[in-house]
């Protein structure tokens, strides 16, 4: 299944979501290990998708 995320902060917001999922997974390692594993898998999938995005150009780069 695919999903489209429309985030005002773009990739920066998505990376914060990934970080939040990983922190939450760490908090649930002992009480809900299956849920923690699922959250880590979601974070990994989002991270992999972010890695596939083109690197944004900065204003200092020549085109």
N, C-alpha and C. Protein backbone atom coordinates (compact mmCIF):
# COMPACT_ATOMS: atom_id res chain seq x y z
N UNK A 1 0.83 -1.16 0.00
CA UNK A 1 0.00 0.00 0.00
C UNK A 1 0.89 1.24 0.00
N UNK A 2 0.49 2.23 -0.72
CA UNK A 2 1.25 3.48 -0.79
C UNK A 2 0.44 4.60 -0.15
N UNK A 3 1.14 5.58 0.34
CA UNK A 3 0.49 6.75 0.93
C UNK A 3 1.23 8.00 0.49
N UNK A 4 0.49 9.08 0.38
CA UNK A 4 1.08 10.36 0.05
C UNK A 4 0.98 11.24 1.29
N UNK A 5 2.13 11.75 1.72
CA UNK A 5 2.15 12.68 2.85
C UNK A 5 2.37 14.08 2.32
N UNK A 6 1.49 14.98 2.67
CA UNK A 6 1.66 16.38 2.31
C UNK A 6 1.99 17.13 3.59
N UNK A 7 3.24 17.46 3.73
CA UNK A 7 3.72 18.10 4.95
C UNK A 7 4.25 19.50 4.63
N UNK A 8 3.81 20.50 5.39
CA UNK A 8 4.25 21.86 5.11
C UNK A 8 5.77 22.02 5.18
N UNK A 9 6.42 21.27 6.06
CA UNK A 9 7.87 21.36 6.19
C UNK A 9 8.62 20.38 5.31
N UNK A 10 7.91 19.65 4.48
CA UNK A 10 8.54 18.72 3.55
C UNK A 10 9.29 17.60 4.24
N UNK A 11 10.46 17.29 3.71
CA UNK A 11 11.27 16.17 4.22
C UNK A 11 11.67 16.38 5.68
N UNK A 12 11.84 17.63 6.09
CA UNK A 12 12.20 17.91 7.49
C UNK A 12 11.10 17.39 8.42
N UNK A 13 9.83 17.65 8.08
CA UNK A 13 8.72 17.15 8.90
C UNK A 13 8.67 15.62 8.88
N UNK A 14 8.92 15.03 7.72
CA UNK A 14 8.90 13.57 7.62
C UNK A 14 10.00 12.96 8.48
N UNK A 15 11.16 13.59 8.51
CA UNK A 15 12.24 13.05 9.33
C UNK A 15 11.90 13.16 10.82
N UNK A 16 11.14 14.18 11.21
CA UNK A 16 10.69 14.29 12.60
C UNK A 16 9.70 13.18 12.93
N UNK A 17 8.86 12.81 11.98
CA UNK A 17 7.93 11.70 12.18
C UNK A 17 8.71 10.40 12.38
N UNK A 18 9.74 10.19 11.57
CA UNK A 18 10.58 9.00 11.70
C UNK A 18 11.21 8.96 13.08
N UNK A 19 11.76 10.08 13.52
CA UNK A 19 12.39 10.14 14.83
C UNK A 19 11.38 9.85 15.93
N UNK A 20 10.18 10.41 15.82
CA UNK A 20 9.15 10.17 16.83
C UNK A 20 8.74 8.70 16.88
N UNK A 21 8.62 8.06 15.73
CA UNK A 21 8.29 6.64 15.69
C UNK A 21 9.37 5.81 16.37
N UNK A 22 10.63 6.15 16.14
CA UNK A 22 11.72 5.40 16.75
C UNK A 22 11.78 5.60 18.27
N UNK A 23 11.52 6.82 18.71
CA UNK A 23 11.48 7.08 20.15
C UNK A 23 10.33 6.32 20.80
N UNK A 24 9.17 6.37 20.16
CA UNK A 24 8.00 5.66 20.69
C UNK A 24 8.25 4.16 20.72
N UNK A 25 8.89 3.64 19.68
CA UNK A 25 9.21 2.21 19.65
C UNK A 25 10.13 1.83 20.79
N UNK A 26 11.10 2.68 21.07
CA UNK A 26 12.02 2.42 22.17
C UNK A 26 11.30 2.37 23.51
N UNK A 27 10.27 3.20 23.64
CA UNK A 27 9.50 3.23 24.89
C UNK A 27 8.61 2.01 25.05
N UNK A 28 8.30 1.33 23.98
CA UNK A 28 7.40 0.17 24.02
C UNK A 28 8.12 -1.17 23.83
N UNK A 29 9.43 -1.15 23.81
CA UNK A 29 10.19 -2.39 23.60
C UNK A 29 9.80 -3.51 24.55
N UNK A 30 9.63 -3.20 25.82
CA UNK A 30 9.35 -4.25 26.80
C UNK A 30 7.85 -4.50 26.97
N UNK A 31 7.03 -3.45 26.86
CA UNK A 31 5.60 -3.63 27.11
C UNK A 31 4.82 -4.08 25.89
N UNK A 32 5.28 -3.71 24.71
CA UNK A 32 4.57 -4.09 23.47
C UNK A 32 5.59 -4.28 22.35
N UNK A 33 6.37 -5.36 22.42
CA UNK A 33 7.44 -5.54 21.44
C UNK A 33 6.95 -5.66 19.99
N UNK A 34 5.77 -6.24 19.79
CA UNK A 34 5.26 -6.35 18.41
C UNK A 34 4.92 -4.97 17.84
N UNK A 35 4.33 -4.13 18.67
CA UNK A 35 4.01 -2.77 18.25
C UNK A 35 5.29 -1.97 18.00
N UNK A 36 6.26 -2.13 18.88
CA UNK A 36 7.54 -1.44 18.70
C UNK A 36 8.20 -1.85 17.38
N UNK A 37 8.15 -3.12 17.06
CA UNK A 37 8.73 -3.61 15.80
C UNK A 37 7.98 -3.03 14.60
N UNK A 38 6.67 -2.94 14.71
CA UNK A 38 5.87 -2.35 13.62
C UNK A 38 6.22 -0.89 13.42
N UNK A 39 6.33 -0.14 14.51
CA UNK A 39 6.69 1.28 14.40
C UNK A 39 8.08 1.45 13.81
N UNK A 40 9.01 0.58 14.17
CA UNK A 40 10.36 0.65 13.58
C UNK A 40 10.31 0.35 12.08
N UNK A 41 9.50 -0.61 11.69
CA UNK A 41 9.37 -0.94 10.26
C UNK A 41 8.79 0.24 9.49
N UNK A 42 7.78 0.90 10.05
CA UNK A 42 7.20 2.08 9.40
C UNK A 42 8.25 3.18 9.28
N UNK A 43 8.99 3.41 10.36
CA UNK A 43 10.04 4.43 10.33
C UNK A 43 11.09 4.09 9.28
N UNK A 44 11.47 2.83 9.18
CA UNK A 44 12.44 2.41 8.17
C UNK A 44 11.92 2.64 6.76
N UNK A 45 10.65 2.32 6.53
CA UNK A 45 10.05 2.51 5.21
C UNK A 45 10.02 3.99 4.83
N UNK A 46 9.64 4.85 5.77
CA UNK A 46 9.62 6.28 5.49
C UNK A 46 11.05 6.79 5.25
N UNK A 47 11.99 6.34 6.07
CA UNK A 47 13.38 6.73 5.89
C UNK A 47 13.93 6.30 4.54
N UNK A 48 13.59 5.08 4.11
CA UNK A 48 14.03 4.61 2.80
C UNK A 48 13.45 5.48 1.68
N UNK A 49 12.17 5.88 1.83
CA UNK A 49 11.55 6.74 0.82
C UNK A 49 12.21 8.12 0.80
N UNK A 50 12.56 8.64 1.97
CA UNK A 50 13.26 9.93 2.03
C UNK A 50 14.62 9.85 1.37
N UNK A 51 15.29 8.73 1.52
CA UNK A 51 16.61 8.55 0.91
C UNK A 51 16.54 8.57 -0.61
N UNK A 52 15.39 8.24 -1.18
CA UNK A 52 15.23 8.20 -2.63
C UNK A 52 14.91 9.57 -3.23
N UNK A 53 14.59 10.54 -2.39
CA UNK A 53 14.29 11.88 -2.90
C UNK A 53 15.56 12.55 -3.40
N UNK A 54 15.43 13.39 -4.43
CA UNK A 54 16.62 14.11 -4.90
C UNK A 54 17.11 15.09 -3.84
N UNK A 55 18.40 15.31 -3.83
CA UNK A 55 19.00 16.24 -2.88
C UNK A 55 18.63 17.66 -3.32
N UNK A 56 18.06 18.45 -2.40
CA UNK A 56 17.69 19.82 -2.79
C UNK A 56 18.93 20.67 -3.05
N UNK A 57 18.80 21.56 -4.02
CA UNK A 57 19.90 22.47 -4.33
C UNK A 57 19.84 23.65 -3.37
N UNK A 58 21.00 24.12 -2.98
CA UNK A 58 21.06 25.31 -2.14
C UNK A 58 21.28 26.54 -3.02
N UNK A 59 21.09 27.69 -2.46
CA UNK A 59 21.26 28.93 -3.22
C UNK A 59 22.72 29.18 -3.59
N UNK A 60 23.64 28.53 -2.90
CA UNK A 60 25.05 28.75 -3.16
C UNK A 60 25.58 27.92 -4.32
N UNK A 61 24.83 26.89 -4.72
CA UNK A 61 25.29 26.03 -5.81
C UNK A 61 25.08 26.70 -7.16
N UNK A 62 26.01 26.49 -8.06
CA UNK A 62 25.89 26.97 -9.43
C UNK A 62 25.12 25.94 -10.25
N UNK A 63 24.24 26.38 -11.14
CA UNK A 63 23.51 25.44 -11.99
C UNK A 63 24.01 25.50 -13.40
